Amino acid sequence: MSKRQVQVRRVYDAPESTDGSRVLVDRLWPRGLSKERARLDDWLKQISPSTELREWYSHDPDRYAGFAERYRAELEEPERAEALDHLRALAGRGPLTLLTATKRSDISEAAVLADLLG
């Protein structure tokens, strides 16, 4: 079985022909971005980390490993697990791009998800 094509990009970046399915994985809609410009195939708010985890993490690079571990545990909760299964199905059909509004997508929930799906 070949490795799935899952990539992480900022939602503010222009869509590319290689994106495949484009899924926003943030809980909040990105500031100043129209739905037309975002060109999303799906928005899975329910897969985003809990408010408590997001506030604790605060995108501090030194806390990323702890964030990733705690977020993986949250992904076992029924609603998030169902959303993760949906992403797995999308990734099984072709390229998948996980989108986030965070400035450092490499240390975001999208990066954790891409690692799990890849």
Protein backbone atom coordinates (compact mmCIF):
# COMPACT_ATOMS: atom_id res chain seq x y z
CA MET A 1 0.00 0.00 0.00
CA SER A 2 1.43 3.37 -0.96
CA LYS A 3 1.79 6.25 1.45
CA ARG A 4 -1.17 8.60 1.47
CA GLN A 5 -0.67 12.07 0.08
CA VAL A 6 -1.51 14.35 2.98
CA GLN A 7 -0.12 17.86 3.19
CA VAL A 8 -0.56 20.81 5.51
CA ARG A 9 -0.96 24.35 4.23
CA ARG A 10 -2.14 27.70 5.46
CA VAL A 11 -5.71 28.44 4.44
CA TYR A 12 -4.61 31.93 3.39
CA ASP A 13 -2.34 30.52 0.67
CA ALA A 14 -3.76 30.28 -2.84
CA PRO A 15 -5.15 26.85 -3.72
CA GLU A 16 -2.91 24.65 -5.87
CA SER A 17 -3.85 22.03 -8.45
CA THR A 18 -2.16 19.34 -6.33
CA ASP A 19 -4.26 20.05 -3.21
CA GLY A 20 -6.89 17.39 -3.82
CA SER A 21 -9.55 17.63 -1.10
CA ARG A 22 -9.12 20.83 0.90
CA VAL A 23 -10.28 20.57 4.53
CA LEU A 24 -10.12 23.30 7.17
CA VAL A 25 -9.36 21.74 10.58
CA ASP A 26 -9.59 24.89 12.75
CA ARG A 27 -12.52 25.50 15.10
CA LEU A 28 -12.84 29.17 14.15
CA TRP A 29 -13.26 30.62 10.68
CA PRO A 30 -10.07 32.41 9.51
CA ARG A 31 -10.19 36.17 9.90
CA GLY A 32 -10.67 38.19 6.75
CA LEU A 33 -11.08 35.18 4.45
CA SER A 34 -14.15 34.72 2.29
CA LYS A 35 -15.58 31.26 1.76
CA GLU A 36 -15.13 31.72 -1.98
CA ARG A 37 -11.42 32.49 -1.62
CA ALA A 38 -10.87 29.59 0.79
CA ARG A 39 -12.21 27.07 -1.75
CA LEU A 40 -12.85 24.39 0.84
CA ASP A 41 -14.27 20.96 0.29
CA ASP A 42 -15.03 20.57 3.98
CA TRP A 43 -14.68 22.28 7.36
CA LEU A 44 -14.26 19.88 10.27
CA LYS A 45 -14.57 22.13 13.32
CA GLN A 46 -15.24 19.13 15.52
CA ILE A 47 -11.75 17.70 14.95
CA SER A 48 -9.96 20.71 16.38
CA PRO A 49 -8.33 20.56 19.82
CA SER A 50 -10.34 21.50 22.88
CA THR A 51 -10.34 25.13 23.98
CA GLU A 52 -8.43 24.15 27.12
CA LEU A 53 -5.70 22.43 25.11
CA ARG A 54 -5.44 25.27 22.60
CA GLU A 55 -5.12 27.84 25.38
CA TRP A 56 -2.50 25.77 27.23
CA TYR A 57 -0.48 25.22 24.06
CA SER A 58 -0.70 28.78 22.71
CA HIS A 59 1.46 27.66 19.74
CA ASP A 60 4.56 27.62 21.92
CA PRO A 61 7.13 25.54 19.97
CA ASP A 62 8.55 24.22 23.26
CA ARG A 63 5.13 22.73 24.11
CA TYR A 64 4.50 21.09 20.72
CA ALA A 65 5.44 17.55 21.78
CA GLY A 66 3.12 17.76 24.80
CA PHE A 67 0.40 19.32 22.68
CA ALA A 68 0.67 16.56 20.07
CA GLU A 69 0.45 13.84 22.74
CA ARG A 70 -2.58 15.43 24.42
CA TYR A 71 -4.28 16.12 21.09
CA ARG A 72 -3.86 12.50 19.98
CA ALA A 73 -5.62 11.48 23.20
CA GLU A 74 -8.47 13.91 22.45
CA LEU A 75 -8.83 12.37 18.99
CA GLU A 76 -10.06 9.19 20.67
CA GLU A 77 -13.22 11.00 21.83
CA PRO A 78 -16.23 9.89 19.74
CA GLU A 79 -16.93 13.11 17.81
CA ARG A 80 -13.27 13.71 16.99
CA ALA A 81 -12.70 10.04 16.16
CA GLU A 82 -15.58 10.16 13.68
CA ALA A 83 -14.10 13.25 12.04
CA LEU A 84 -10.68 11.54 11.89
CA ASP A 85 -12.29 8.54 10.17
CA HIS A 86 -13.78 10.97 7.63
CA LEU A 87 -10.30 12.39 6.95
CA ARG A 88 -8.91 8.86 6.56
CA ALA A 89 -11.59 8.13 3.96
CA LEU A 90 -10.76 11.32 2.07
CA ALA A 91 -7.03 10.53 2.18
CA GLY A 92 -7.76 7.06 0.85
CA ARG A 93 -9.42 8.54 -2.23
CA GLY A 94 -6.57 10.84 -3.25
CA PRO A 95 -4.52 13.86 -2.20
CA LEU A 96 -5.69 15.62 0.95
CA THR A 97 -4.71 19.08 2.12
CA LEU A 98 -5.33 19.98 5.75
CA LEU A 99 -5.74 23.71 6.14
CA THR A 100 -5.13 25.90 9.15
CA ALA A 101 -4.98 29.65 9.77
CA THR A 102 -2.07 29.37 12.20
CA LYS A 103 1.16 31.11 11.24
CA ARG A 104 3.25 28.00 11.96
CA SER A 105 1.38 25.17 10.29
CA ASP A 106 4.30 22.83 11.05
CA ILE A 107 3.42 22.93 14.78
CA SER A 108 -0.37 22.97 14.43
CA GLU A 109 -3.15 20.45 14.91
CA ALA A 110 -3.06 20.00 11.13
CA ALA A 111 0.54 18.74 11.40
CA VAL A 112 -0.50 16.21 14.07
CA LEU A 113 -3.37 15.04 11.88
CA ALA A 114 -1.14 14.76 8.79
CA ASP A 115 1.28 12.62 10.78
CA LEU A 116 -1.55 10.31 11.85
CA LEU A 117 -2.98 10.07 8.33
CA GLY A 118 0.25 9.80 6.34
